Amino acid sequence: MTRLTSTSVLRRAVSALLGLSLMLVSGLSFAASAVATVSQNVVPVGDAFQLTISVDDSVGNDALDLSPLDKDFIYGRPSISNSTSIINGSMSRSTVWRIAVAAKKTGTYTLPSLDIEGMNTEPISIRVLDAGEKGNALDDSAVKVTASLDRHEGYIGETFNYRVRLMIGTQLDSPTLKAPSGEGLDVKQVGEDVQAEAVLNGRRYIVISRLYQITPTKAGELTLNGAVFSGTEVKGSSGWGPSLGVPISREAKNVTLNIKDKPVGYQGLWLPTPKLELAQSWQPDALSEPLDVEVGEAINREITLKIKNIEQSAMPDLAIDYPQSVRVYADKPVYSRDGDSTIMTVKQVIIPRETGKITLPALSINWFNTESGEQQTSELAGLDLTVKPGSATQAPVMPTPDASAPVTPESAATANGSTTVVSDAGFWPWTTAAFALLWLGTLVLYIRKRPASAEVTSGNPTGIATSNSLQALIDAVKSNDTVKVAAALRAWDRTLLPSALNGEIEQEVAAMMASRYSPSATPWQNTRLLQLLAKAGKVKKSDSRQTRLRELS
């Protein structure tokens, strides 16, 4: 058996660390690279421009050999800088040479590749003009504008993706980028600009990428005029005088779109797309039907609609006709993007109000498949419920609203349910307003008609269920989830609260709902409601009963 002394252990540790250090140094050397850039690619003969060589490592000052420039260029003594930086524990080094270079004669020449300890720069093309052309020298490489279109054929109403790439390699003043345009084309910018850096032919550029959605509003052969960049290039003077501003403009190429009209005799909602995905989830999970629930028990339905090549404003409204035997609370649709697709997510809370058999409606969407040229239908199944009486700790079911209340799609279906076919779009704002008024009216009726003398049954003498319901309501308020607040409010027994406190809570809940569903929504903060609920949690039953008796006497 070999016995290790403390000295041998230390030696092995030092050897391991040295080996690791050599590996890291070797990796850094291997990863190092050299980049050559120039201040301009178009220069008058005899005028100097700056050549910059950057190496992301620490190398000797004499590692750069400039002799390959001797044939076509003259150059001065390099200015050398070395730097070391540590950011978040990570060390980086760099070596930079700056050299003034001038061409010997007119023509187009190539700055050759330069070697720095085995690292080679890319060649750079330089156009050299006659000295008399100095004032008229046009540097086309200072700013570049290119654009790409995902396709050139499609249907009316189908979205095209147009991406503009702007490359800026000079100092500019008041730069602007005008969107593409064309008769019969609706143009809309999507998302924020994406900015990066790049080196092209020795020129360092700031690269800005911008995405537009192009939606044809008529059929035929349409011309899309390219995006236009304009600005002022700032050119420095040779002395202390003012700089010179030179107007500069660039335009992307025009493109032609071949747009087809919708087929003759097509019926229903016009929704052209190569791909449509419709999905839903239930909570609790409907593993088998019918699903057994109780009166007042919340059922969550989440519907996701994903459509390719369609802008958000063209997404259909998911108007579902629910039976009168349930109450439905819905959040506003949430929109997002995934590549070329727009995603709409709708969340609903459905609360049964009556016992018996109830069918929650299915959903069907008609759309036109632009790849197959045929009309298709995507469907979601409904859900059968078996509703039992609610437990003794649950609050009474919300009463049916007055006959004078606004009518919503809920009242248009029978208790057996129905299948809703989305056939048109554009009435969501009116439906939202009517639903908001109905919800607030129902909430007021529910608050006013709730039995004042109701008591917690002897089956729950400790009030554990009431405490749990209050905590669920507090959690829902903290997350600003209105549908969960509505469900938790129903399950919380408030009969022992003082009337004044009860009224303040009801007023704050109504304000919360109005902020979400009212068409004239106002900002709302949950601080006041959380304070009232905390106060309600401290109310003792004995004190509450005495307070209620005094209020009723």
Protein backbone atom coordinates (compact mmCIF):
# COMPACT_ATOMS: atom_id res chain seq x y z
CA MET A 1 0.00 0.00 0.00
CA THR A 2 1.37 3.44 -0.98
CA ARG A 3 1.23 5.98 1.82
CA LEU A 4 0.54 9.56 0.78
CA THR A 5 2.25 12.29 2.79
CA SER A 6 0.92 15.83 3.02
CA THR A 7 3.80 16.95 0.77
CA SER A 8 2.94 14.46 -1.97
CA VAL A 9 -0.73 15.41 -1.83
CA LEU A 10 0.22 19.09 -2.22
CA ARG A 11 2.48 18.32 -5.17
CA ARG A 12 -0.27 16.38 -6.94
CA ALA A 13 -2.76 19.19 -6.34
CA VAL A 14 -0.32 21.77 -7.75
CA SER A 15 0.33 19.57 -10.80
CA ALA A 16 -3.39 19.19 -11.41
CA LEU A 17 -3.92 22.96 -11.19
CA LEU A 18 -1.02 23.62 -13.57
CA GLY A 19 -2.42 21.10 -16.03
CA LEU A 20 -5.85 22.71 -15.85
CA SER A 21 -4.32 26.16 -16.36
CA LEU A 22 -2.43 24.97 -19.44
CA MET A 23 -5.61 23.50 -20.85
CA LEU A 24 -7.46 26.80 -20.30
CA VAL A 25 -4.64 28.84 -21.85
CA SER A 26 -4.54 26.47 -24.80
CA GLY A 27 -8.31 26.77 -25.21
CA LEU A 28 -8.14 30.57 -25.10
CA SER A 29 -5.34 30.63 -27.70
CA PHE A 30 -7.30 28.38 -29.95
CA ALA A 31 -10.46 30.48 -29.58
CA ALA A 32 -8.69 33.81 -30.25
CA SER A 33 -9.35 35.54 -33.57
CA ALA A 34 -8.24 38.60 -35.52
CA VAL A 35 -10.58 41.09 -37.24
CA ALA A 36 -9.59 43.87 -39.66
CA THR A 37 -11.86 46.90 -40.24
CA VAL A 38 -11.48 50.16 -42.19
CA SER A 39 -13.00 53.59 -41.63
CA GLN A 40 -14.22 53.71 -45.25
CA ASN A 41 -14.12 51.60 -48.42
CA VAL A 42 -14.21 54.45 -50.98
CA VAL A 43 -11.30 56.94 -50.72
CA PRO A 44 -9.56 59.53 -52.94
CA VAL A 45 -6.02 58.65 -53.92
CA GLY A 46 -3.48 59.93 -51.40
CA ASP A 47 -6.09 60.48 -48.64
CA ALA A 48 -5.54 58.44 -45.51
CA PHE A 49 -8.09 56.09 -44.01
CA GLN A 50 -7.80 54.11 -40.80
CA LEU A 51 -7.09 50.39 -40.72
CA THR A 52 -7.84 48.71 -37.37
CA ILE A 53 -6.64 45.21 -36.44
CA SER A 54 -8.25 43.72 -33.30
CA VAL A 55 -7.18 40.49 -31.58
CA ASP A 56 -9.15 39.10 -28.62
CA ASP A 57 -5.99 38.01 -26.83
CA SER A 58 -2.77 39.48 -25.49
CA VAL A 59 0.00 39.26 -28.12
CA GLY A 60 3.32 40.98 -28.68
CA ASN A 61 3.39 44.46 -30.20
CA ASP A 62 5.56 43.20 -33.07
CA ALA A 63 3.26 40.25 -33.88
CA LEU A 64 1.61 42.15 -36.77
CA ASP A 65 3.45 42.10 -40.12
CA LEU A 66 2.30 44.98 -42.38
CA SER A 67 4.66 44.20 -45.29
CA PRO A 68 1.83 42.70 -47.46
CA LEU A 69 0.50 46.30 -47.80
CA ASP A 70 3.68 47.59 -49.45
CA LYS A 71 2.64 46.81 -53.03
CA ASP A 72 -0.43 49.10 -53.31
CA PHE A 73 -0.50 51.18 -50.12
CA ILE A 74 1.62 53.41 -47.95
CA TYR A 75 1.13 53.44 -44.19
CA GLY A 76 2.34 55.09 -41.01
CA ARG A 77 3.59 53.79 -37.70
CA PRO A 78 0.93 51.71 -35.88
CA SER A 79 -0.67 52.90 -32.67
CA ILE A 80 -0.91 49.89 -30.31
CA SER A 81 -3.13 49.41 -27.26
CA ASN A 82 -3.46 46.45 -24.89
CA SER A 83 -6.28 45.98 -22.40
CA THR A 84 -7.42 43.50 -19.77
CA SER A 85 -10.89 43.42 -18.20
CA ILE A 86 -12.63 41.24 -15.63
CA ILE A 87 -16.43 41.08 -15.77
CA ASN A 88 -18.34 38.81 -13.38
CA GLY A 89 -15.15 36.87 -12.66
CA SER A 90 -14.41 36.30 -16.35
CA MET A 91 -11.09 37.73 -17.66
CA SER A 92 -10.63 38.95 -21.24
CA ARG A 93 -7.66 40.51 -23.03
CA SER A 94 -7.32 42.36 -26.32
CA THR A 95 -4.65 43.89 -28.53
CA VAL A 96 -5.52 46.61 -31.09
CA TRP A 97 -3.40 48.16 -33.86
CA ARG A 98 -4.51 51.39 -35.58
CA ILE A 99 -2.74 52.33 -38.77
CA ALA A 100 -3.17 55.29 -41.15
CA VAL A 101 -3.18 53.89 -44.72
CA ALA A 102 -3.32 55.60 -48.15
CA ALA A 103 -3.52 54.16 -51.67
CA LYS A 104 -0.77 54.86 -54.17
CA LYS A 105 -2.99 55.16 -57.27
CA THR A 106 -6.59 55.01 -58.45
CA GLY A 107 -8.46 51.77 -59.04
CA THR A 108 -9.94 48.95 -57.00
CA TYR A 109 -7.50 47.20 -54.67
CA THR A 110 -7.58 44.60 -51.95
CA LEU A 111 -6.14 45.00 -48.52
CA PRO A 112 -4.59 41.53 -48.21
CA SER A 113 -5.06 39.11 -45.34
CA LEU A 114 -2.68 39.87 -42.45
CA ASP A 115 -1.18 37.26 -40.14
CA ILE A 116 -0.89 37.68 -36.36
CA GLU A 117 0.69 34.60 -34.78
CA GLY A 118 -1.32 32.23 -36.97
CA MET A 119 -4.54 34.28 -36.85
CA ASN A 120 -5.51 35.70 -40.26
CA THR A 121 -7.73 38.67 -41.07
CA GLU A 122 -10.21 38.73 -43.98
CA PRO A 123 -9.24 40.63 -47.19
CA ILE A 124 -10.95 44.01 -47.71
CA SER A 125 -11.85 45.64 -51.05
CA ILE A 126 -10.96 49.34 -51.39
CA ARG A 127 -12.12 51.63 -54.24
CA VAL A 128 -9.66 54.47 -54.87
CA LEU A 129 -10.86 57.56 -56.76
CA ASP A 130 -9.00 60.36 -58.49
CA ALA A 131 -8.34 63.37 -56.24
CA GLY A 132 -10.61 65.50 -58.46
CA GLU A 133 -13.53 63.20 -57.69
CA LYS A 134 -13.24 63.77 -53.93
CA GLY A 135 -16.30 66.00 -53.74
CA ASN A 136 -18.38 63.63 -55.81
CA ALA A 137 -17.23 60.39 -54.18
CA LEU A 138 -20.23 58.20 -53.49
CA ASP A 139 -19.73 55.64 -50.75
CA ASP A 140 -22.55 53.18 -51.38
CA SER A 141 -21.34 50.97 -48.57
CA ALA A 142 -21.91 53.56 -45.81
CA VAL A 143 -25.59 52.54 -45.44
CA LYS A 144 -27.26 49.45 -46.89
CA VAL A 145 -30.97 48.58 -46.97
CA THR A 146 -32.20 45.12 -47.92
CA ALA A 147 -35.60 43.48 -47.54
CA SER A 148 -37.03 39.98 -47.80
CA LEU A 149 -40.57 38.65 -48.20
CA ASP A 150 -41.57 35.18 -47.00
CA ARG A 151 -43.52 34.47 -50.22
CA HIS A 152 -45.02 36.23 -53.26
CA GLU A 153 -48.38 34.48 -53.67
CA GLY A 154 -51.38 34.17 -51.39
CA TYR A 155 -55.01 35.00 -50.76
CA ILE A 156 -56.79 38.22 -49.90
CA GLY A 157 -56.72 38.71 -46.13
CA GLU A 158 -53.70 36.44 -45.67
CA THR A 159 -50.66 38.01 -43.97
CA PHE A 160 -47.19 38.24 -45.57
CA ASN A 161 -44.04 38.78 -43.49
CA TYR A 162 -41.71 41.51 -44.78
CA ARG A 163 -38.38 41.98 -42.97
CA VAL A 164 -36.16 45.04 -43.51
CA ARG A 165 -32.44 44.88 -42.72
CA LEU A 166 -30.72 48.25 -42.27
CA MET A 167 -26.90 48.34 -42.05
CA ILE A 168 -25.31 51.59 -40.83
CA GLY A 169 -21.54 51.96 -41.19
CA THR A 170 -21.14 55.71 -40.71
CA GLN A 171 -22.15 58.53 -38.38
CA LEU A 172 -25.70 59.70 -39.10
CA ASP A 173 -27.98 62.52 -38.06
CA SER A 174 -31.82 62.26 -38.01
CA PRO A 175 -32.09 58.76 -39.53
CA THR A 176 -35.60 57.57 -40.46
CA LEU A 177 -36.97 54.39 -41.99
CA LYS A 178 -40.23 54.67 -43.93
CA ALA A 179 -42.43 51.57 -43.99
CA PRO A 180 -43.15 49.74 -47.27
CA SER A 181 -46.39 50.71 -48.99
CA GLY A 182 -48.69 49.81 -51.85
CA GLU A 183 -52.24 50.24 -53.10
CA GLY A 184 -54.54 47.55 -51.71
CA LEU A 185 -52.03 46.58 -49.00
CA ASP A 186 -52.38 47.07 -45.25
CA VAL A 187 -48.93 47.47 -43.61
CA LYS A 188 -48.28 47.10 -39.88
CA GLN A 189 -45.03 46.87 -37.90
CA VAL A 190 -44.75 43.83 -35.61
CA GLY A 191 -42.69 43.82 -32.42
CA GLU A 192 -39.63 45.91 -31.63
CA ASP A 193 -36.50 46.49 -33.71
CA VAL A 194 -33.67 43.98 -33.25
CA GLN A 195 -30.17 45.47 -33.14
CA ALA A 196 -26.80 43.74 -33.61
CA GLU A 197 -23.29 44.35 -34.98
CA ALA A 198 -21.56 42.88 -38.04
CA VAL A 199 -18.40 43.30 -40.12
CA LEU A 200 -18.79 43.25 -43.92
CA ASN A 201 -15.85 43.80 -46.27
CA GLY A 202 -13.88 45.33 -43.42
CA ARG A 203 -16.65 47.78 -42.52
CA ARG A 204 -18.18 47.60 -39.06
CA TYR A 205 -21.95 48.05 -39.14
CA ILE A 206 -24.82 48.49 -36.74
CA VAL A 207 -27.51 46.16 -38.08
CA ILE A 208 -31.18 46.96 -37.38
CA SER A 209 -33.87 44.44 -38.30
CA ARG A 210 -37.57 45.35 -38.44
CA LEU A 211 -40.57 43.12 -39.25
CA TYR A 212 -43.75 44.24 -41.03
CA GLN A 213 -46.98 42.36 -41.69
CA ILE A 214 -48.43 42.97 -45.16
CA THR A 215 -52.13 42.11 -45.54
CA PRO A 216 -53.75 42.42 -49.02
CA THR A 217 -57.20 44.00 -49.01
CA LYS A 218 -57.92 43.25 -52.67
CA ALA A 219 -57.06 40.58 -55.21
CA GLY A 220 -54.82 40.93 -58.26
CA GLU A 221 -51.20 41.75 -59.04
CA LEU A 222 -50.14 44.25 -56.38
CA THR A 223 -46.86 46.20 -56.13
CA LEU A 224 -45.21 46.54 -52.74
CA ASN A 225 -42.92 49.58 -52.71
CA GLY A 226 -39.76 48.90 -50.71
CA ALA A 227 -38.91 50.48 -47.38
CA VAL A 228 -37.02 53.80 -47.68
CA PHE A 229 -34.18 55.02 -45.44
CA SER A 230 -33.17 58.68 -45.26
CA GLY A 231 -30.77 60.66 -43.08
CA THR A 232 -27.73 62.89 -43.04
CA GLU A 233 -24.21 61.48 -43.06
CA VAL A 234 -21.90 63.46 -40.79
CA LYS A 235 -18.43 63.90 -42.30
CA GLY A 236 -15.67 65.40 -40.18
CA SER A 237 -13.48 68.24 -41.45
CA SER A 238 -9.69 68.08 -41.75
CA GLY A 239 -9.21 70.89 -39.22
CA TRP A 240 -11.11 72.47 -36.38
CA GLY A 241 -13.92 73.69 -38.59
CA PRO A 242 -17.51 72.43 -38.54
CA SER A 243 -18.44 68.98 -39.82
CA LEU A 244 -20.20 68.49 -43.13
CA GLY A 245 -23.70 66.99 -43.41
CA VAL A 246 -24.38 65.03 -46.59
CA PRO A 247 -27.96 63.83 -47.33
CA ILE A 248 -28.17 60.08 -47.84
CA SER A 249 -31.08 57.91 -49.01
CA ARG A 250 -31.51 54.20 -49.66
CA GLU A 251 -34.53 52.23 -50.88
CA ALA A 252 -35.24 48.51 -50.84
CA LYS A 253 -36.35 46.90 -54.12
CA ASN A 254 -40.04 46.80 -55.04
CA VAL A 255 -41.72 43.40 -55.14
CA THR A 256 -44.87 42.09 -56.82
CA LEU A 257 -47.57 40.10 -54.98
CA ASN A 258 -49.98 37.81 -56.80
CA ILE A 259 -53.14 37.78 -54.66
CA LYS A 260 -56.09 35.43 -55.20
CA ASP A 261 -59.65 36.29 -54.24
CA LYS A 262 -61.74 34.00 -52.05
CA PRO A 263 -63.48 31.23 -54.04
CA VAL A 264 -66.83 31.97 -55.62
CA GLY A 265 -69.67 30.75 -53.43
CA TYR A 266 -67.57 30.57 -50.27
CA GLN A 267 -69.81 30.79 -47.18
CA GLY A 268 -69.04 31.82 -43.62
CA LEU A 269 -66.07 33.48 -41.97
CA TRP A 270 -63.18 34.11 -44.38
CA LEU A 271 -60.11 32.91 -42.53
CA PRO A 272 -57.31 32.06 -45.02
CA THR A 273 -54.31 30.23 -43.52
CA PRO A 274 -52.09 27.24 -44.29
CA LYS A 275 -52.36 26.00 -40.69
CA LEU A 276 -54.88 26.36 -37.85
CA GLU A 277 -54.63 24.63 -34.47
CA LEU A 278 -57.50 24.59 -31.95
CA ALA A 279 -57.09 23.05 -28.49
CA GLN A 280 -58.68 23.19 -25.04
CA SER A 281 -58.18 21.98 -21.47
CA TRP A 282 -60.62 21.49 -18.59
CA GLN A 283 -60.01 21.81 -14.86
CA PRO A 284 -60.88 19.55 -13.19
CA ASP A 285 -59.74 17.14 -15.91
CA ALA A 286 -62.66 15.48 -17.66
CA LEU A 287 -61.19 11.98 -17.79
CA SER A 288 -64.64 10.48 -18.14
CA GLU A 289 -68.09 11.88 -18.86
CA PRO A 290 -70.33 12.97 -17.40
CA LEU A 291 -68.22 14.96 -14.97
CA ASP A 292 -69.66 15.00 -11.44
CA VAL A 293 -69.70 18.48 -9.86
CA GLU A 294 -71.71 20.38 -7.29
CA VAL A 295 -73.77 23.53 -7.62
CA GLY A 296 -71.40 26.47 -7.26
CA GLU A 297 -68.28 24.44 -8.05
CA ALA A 298 -66.01 26.22 -10.54
CA ILE A 299 -65.01 24.54 -13.82
CA ASN A 300 -62.12 26.12 -15.74
CA ARG A 301 -62.05 25.99 -19.53
CA GLU A 302 -59.00 27.24 -21.43
CA ILE A 303 -59.17 27.49 -25.23
CA THR A 304 -56.08 28.09 -27.41
CA LEU A 305 -56.31 29.12 -31.06
CA LYS A 306 -53.11 29.27 -33.15
CA ILE A 307 -53.29 30.54 -36.75
CA LYS A 308 -50.43 31.01 -39.22
CA ASN A 309 -50.16 34.12 -41.44
CA ILE A 310 -52.97 36.03 -39.71
CA GLU A 311 -52.60 39.31 -37.86
CA GLN A 312 -54.11 39.77 -34.41
CA SER A 313 -56.98 42.02 -35.54
CA ALA A 314 -58.20 39.28 -37.92
CA MET A 315 -58.42 36.59 -35.23
CA PRO A 316 -62.04 35.35 -34.83
CA ASP A 317 -64.14 35.97 -31.73
CA LEU A 318 -64.90 32.81 -29.77
CA ALA A 319 -68.54 33.49 -28.87
CA ILE A 320 -69.91 30.37 -27.12
CA ASP A 321 -73.60 30.07 -26.23
CA TYR A 322 -73.75 28.58 -22.75
CA PRO A 323 -77.04 27.35 -21.19
CA GLN A 324 -78.85 29.45 -18.60
CA SER A 325 -78.18 26.78 -16.00
CA VAL A 326 -74.55 27.95 -15.68
CA ARG A 327 -72.88 31.28 -15.03
CA VAL A 328 -69.75 32.08 -17.06
CA TYR A 329 -66.91 34.47 -16.22
CA ALA A 330 -64.33 35.09 -18.96
CA ASP A 331 -61.01 36.93 -19.06
CA LYS A 332 -60.12 39.08 -22.04
CA PRO A 333 -58.28 37.12 -24.76
CA VAL A 334 -54.49 37.07 -24.41
CA TYR A 335 -52.45 37.29 -27.63
CA SER A 336 -48.90 36.18 -28.36
CA ARG A 337 -46.76 35.22 -31.37
CA ASP A 338 -44.82 32.10 -32.31
CA GLY A 339 -42.84 32.74 -35.47
CA ASP A 340 -45.35 33.45 -38.26
CA SER A 341 -48.34 32.39 -36.12
CA THR A 342 -50.65 34.40 -33.88
CA ILE A 343 -51.88 32.70 -30.70
CA MET A 344 -55.06 33.63 -28.84
CA THR A 345 -55.78 32.17 -25.38
CA VAL A 346 -59.22 32.47 -23.75
CA LYS A 347 -59.85 31.48 -20.13
CA GLN A 348 -63.35 30.92 -18.75
CA VAL A 349 -64.76 29.91 -15.36
CA ILE A 350 -68.10 28.09 -15.56
CA ILE A 351 -70.23 27.74 -12.41
CA PRO A 352 -73.36 25.51 -12.44
CA ARG A 353 -76.43 27.15 -10.89
CA GLU A 354 -78.83 24.21 -11.05
CA THR A 355 -78.77 20.48 -10.36
CA GLY A 356 -79.26 17.87 -13.05
CA LYS A 357 -77.71 17.06 -16.43
CA ILE A 358 -75.99 19.96 -18.20
CA THR A 359 -74.08 19.98 -21.49
CA LEU A 360 -71.42 22.62 -22.00
CA PRO A 361 -71.33 23.56 -25.71
CA ALA A 362 -68.83 22.42 -28.29
CA LEU A 363 -66.94 24.92 -30.49
CA SER A 364 -66.49 24.86 -34.24
CA ILE A 365 -64.40 27.20 -36.46
CA ASN A 366 -64.62 27.30 -40.26
CA TRP A 367 -61.46 28.29 -42.14
CA PHE A 368 -59.92 28.15 -45.61
CA ASN A 369 -56.81 26.02 -46.12
CA THR A 370 -54.60 28.01 -48.52
CA GLU A 371 -52.38 24.99 -49.23
CA SER A 372 -55.14 22.57 -50.25
CA GLY A 373 -57.50 25.28 -51.54
CA GLU A 374 -60.40 23.80 -49.55
CA GLN A 375 -62.65 24.89 -46.73
CA GLN A 376 -62.07 23.08 -43.43
CA THR A 377 -63.62 22.91 -39.97
CA SER A 378 -61.80 22.56 -36.64
CA GLU A 379 -63.84 21.47 -33.64
CA LEU A 380 -63.62 21.20 -29.86
CA ALA A 381 -65.86 18.81 -27.97
CA GLY A 382 -68.26 20.01 -25.29
CA LEU A 383 -68.56 18.51 -21.82
CA ASP A 384 -71.45 16.70 -20.09
CA LEU A 385 -71.98 17.50 -16.42
CA THR A 386 -73.92 15.80 -13.66
CA VAL A 387 -74.61 18.58 -11.15
CA LYS A 388 -75.42 17.67 -7.54
CA PRO A 389 -76.65 19.92 -4.73
CA GLY A 390 -73.91 22.05 -3.21
CA SER A 391 -72.47 21.43 0.25
CA ALA A 392 -73.91 23.20 3.28
CA THR A 393 -70.94 25.56 3.48
CA GLN A 394 -71.50 27.00 0.03
CA ALA A 395 -73.27 30.26 -0.53
CA PRO A 396 -76.68 30.35 -2.26
CA VAL A 397 -76.70 30.30 -6.06
CA MET A 398 -76.72 33.68 -7.77
CA PRO A 399 -80.28 34.68 -8.70
CA THR A 400 -81.39 35.07 -12.32
CA PRO A 401 -80.98 38.69 -13.45
CA ASP A 402 -83.95 40.95 -14.03
CA ALA A 403 -85.74 40.86 -17.35
CA SER A 404 -84.49 44.36 -18.00
CA ALA A 405 -80.84 43.24 -17.87
CA PRO A 406 -78.93 43.17 -21.19
CA VAL A 407 -79.21 39.89 -23.10
CA THR A 408 -75.98 37.95 -23.71
CA PRO A 409 -75.24 34.83 -25.77
CA GLU A 410 -75.72 32.80 -22.58
CA SER A 411 -79.49 33.20 -22.75
CA ALA A 412 -79.76 32.04 -26.35
CA ALA A 413 -79.13 28.33 -25.70
CA THR A 414 -81.19 25.61 -24.04
CA ALA A 415 -80.19 23.66 -20.95
CA ASN A 416 -79.03 20.79 -23.17
CA GLY A 417 -76.33 22.99 -24.74
CA SER A 418 -75.48 23.59 -28.38
CA THR A 419 -72.56 23.70 -30.82
CA THR A 420 -71.36 27.22 -31.66
CA VAL A 421 -69.99 27.90 -35.15
CA VAL A 422 -67.81 31.00 -35.44
CA SER A 423 -69.10 32.62 -38.61
CA ASP A 424 -68.23 36.28 -38.21
CA ALA A 425 -65.96 38.62 -36.30
CA GLY A 426 -66.09 42.17 -35.00
CA PHE A 427 -68.77 42.20 -32.29
CA TRP A 428 -66.48 41.33 -29.34
CA PRO A 429 -66.44 44.91 -27.92
CA TRP A 430 -70.28 44.98 -27.77
CA THR A 431 -70.43 41.51 -26.26
CA THR A 432 -67.84 42.49 -23.67
CA ALA A 433 -69.77 45.61 -22.68
CA ALA A 434 -73.08 43.72 -22.38
CA PHE A 435 -71.45 40.94 -20.39
CA ALA A 436 -69.80 43.45 -18.04
CA LEU A 437 -73.12 45.17 -17.32
CA LEU A 438 -74.84 41.83 -16.80
CA TRP A 439 -72.11 40.62 -14.44
CA LEU A 440 -72.18 43.77 -12.33
CA GLY A 441 -75.98 43.74 -12.22
CA THR A 442 -76.01 40.11 -11.18
CA LEU A 443 -73.40 40.76 -8.49
CA VAL A 444 -75.52 43.56 -7.01
CA LEU A 445 -78.65 41.36 -7.05
CA TYR A 446 -76.74 38.51 -5.45
CA ILE A 447 -75.41 40.79 -2.71
CA ARG A 448 -78.81 42.34 -1.99
CA LYS A 449 -80.84 39.09 -2.03
CA ARG A 450 -78.42 36.99 0.03
CA PRO A 451 -80.25 35.81 3.20
CA ALA A 452 -79.19 37.99 6.09
CA SER A 453 -79.94 35.39 8.78
CA ALA A 454 -78.09 32.44 7.29
CA GLU A 455 -75.78 30.64 9.75
CA VAL A 456 -72.97 28.15 9.44
CA THR A 457 -74.49 24.70 9.94
CA SER A 458 -73.71 22.50 12.89
CA GLY A 459 -71.82 20.21 10.56
CA ASN A 460 -69.03 22.79 10.49
CA PRO A 461 -68.98 24.31 13.98
CA THR A 462 -65.31 25.27 13.84
CA GLY A 463 -65.65 27.35 10.70
CA ILE A 464 -62.70 25.59 9.01
CA ALA A 465 -64.37 25.66 5.57
CA THR A 466 -65.12 29.38 5.98
CA SER A 467 -61.48 30.05 6.87
CA ASN A 468 -60.26 28.08 3.86
CA SER A 469 -62.66 29.95 1.56
CA LEU A 470 -61.43 33.30 2.88
CA GLN A 471 -57.81 32.30 2.25
CA ALA A 472 -58.68 31.19 -1.29
CA LEU A 473 -60.31 34.57 -1.87
CA ILE A 474 -57.24 36.40 -0.53
CA ASP A 475 -54.95 34.37 -2.82
CA ALA A 476 -57.16 35.14 -5.83
CA VAL A 477 -57.15 38.88 -5.03
CA LYS A 478 -53.34 38.89 -4.68
CA SER A 479 -53.00 37.33 -8.13
CA ASN A 480 -55.64 39.75 -9.56
CA ASP A 481 -57.53 36.74 -11.00
CA THR A 482 -61.12 37.94 -11.35
CA VAL A 483 -62.58 34.56 -12.30
CA LYS A 484 -61.10 32.93 -9.20
CA VAL A 485 -62.29 35.85 -7.07
CA ALA A 486 -65.85 35.28 -8.32
CA ALA A 487 -65.70 31.58 -7.45
CA ALA A 488 -64.07 32.12 -4.03
CA LEU A 489 -66.55 34.85 -3.10
CA ARG A 490 -69.41 32.42 -3.62
CA ALA A 491 -67.84 29.79 -1.38
CA TRP A 492 -67.12 32.18 1.53
CA ASP A 493 -69.81 32.52 4.19
CA ARG A 494 -70.07 36.18 5.19
CA THR A 495 -73.30 36.09 7.19
CA LEU A 496 -71.50 36.82 10.48
CA LEU A 497 -69.65 39.89 9.24
CA PRO A 498 -70.83 43.36 10.28
CA SER A 499 -72.96 44.91 7.54
CA ALA A 500 -70.60 47.90 7.13
CA LEU A 501 -67.56 45.67 6.57
CA ASN A 502 -69.54 43.40 4.27
CA GLY A 503 -70.64 46.37 2.19
CA GLU A 504 -67.09 47.70 1.85
CA ILE A 505 -65.86 44.28 0.64
CA GLU A 506 -68.71 44.03 -1.88
CA GLN A 507 -67.95 47.54 -3.16
CA GLU A 508 -64.25 46.74 -3.69
CA VAL A 509 -65.02 43.44 -5.45
CA ALA A 510 -67.42 45.25 -7.78
CA ALA A 511 -64.71 47.85 -8.53
CA MET A 512 -62.25 45.05 -9.31
CA MET A 513 -64.66 43.41 -11.74
CA ALA A 514 -65.49 46.73 -13.39
CA SER A 515 -61.78 47.40 -13.95
CA ARG A 516 -61.52 44.12 -15.87
CA TYR A 517 -64.79 43.85 -17.77
CA SER A 518 -66.29 47.31 -18.08
CA PRO A 519 -65.73 48.97 -21.50
CA SER A 520 -64.79 52.18 -19.65
CA ALA A 521 -62.33 50.35 -17.38
CA THR A 522 -60.39 52.31 -14.76
CA PRO A 523 -57.19 51.30 -12.92
CA TRP A 524 -57.71 49.32 -9.71
CA GLN A 525 -55.33 48.31 -6.92
CA ASN A 526 -55.93 45.34 -4.62
CA THR A 527 -54.44 46.97 -1.49
CA ARG A 528 -57.76 48.17 -0.02
CA LEU A 529 -59.56 44.87 -0.63
CA LEU A 530 -56.74 42.87 0.97
CA GLN A 531 -56.94 45.13 4.05
CA LEU A 532 -60.69 44.54 4.33
CA LEU A 533 -60.28 40.76 3.99
CA ALA A 534 -57.56 40.75 6.66
CA LYS A 535 -59.93 42.65 8.92
CA ALA A 536 -62.69 40.15 8.18
CA GLY A 537 -60.39 37.28 9.14
CA LYS A 538 -59.97 38.75 12.64
CA VAL A 539 -63.70 39.07 13.36
CA LYS A 540 -64.77 36.64 16.12
CA LYS A 541 -68.01 34.71 15.78
CA SER A 542 -69.38 35.72 19.18
CA ASP A 543 -68.73 39.41 18.53
CA SER A 544 -70.17 39.08 15.01
CA ARG A 545 -73.42 37.47 16.20
CA GLN A 546 -73.94 40.23 18.77
CA THR A 547 -73.22 42.89 16.15
CA ARG A 548 -75.67 41.30 13.71
CA LEU A 549 -78.36 41.04 16.39
CA ARG A 550 -77.94 44.74 17.22
CA GLU A 551 -78.17 45.59 13.49
CA LEU A 552 -81.35 43.52 13.06
CA SER A 553 -83.05 44.80 16.22
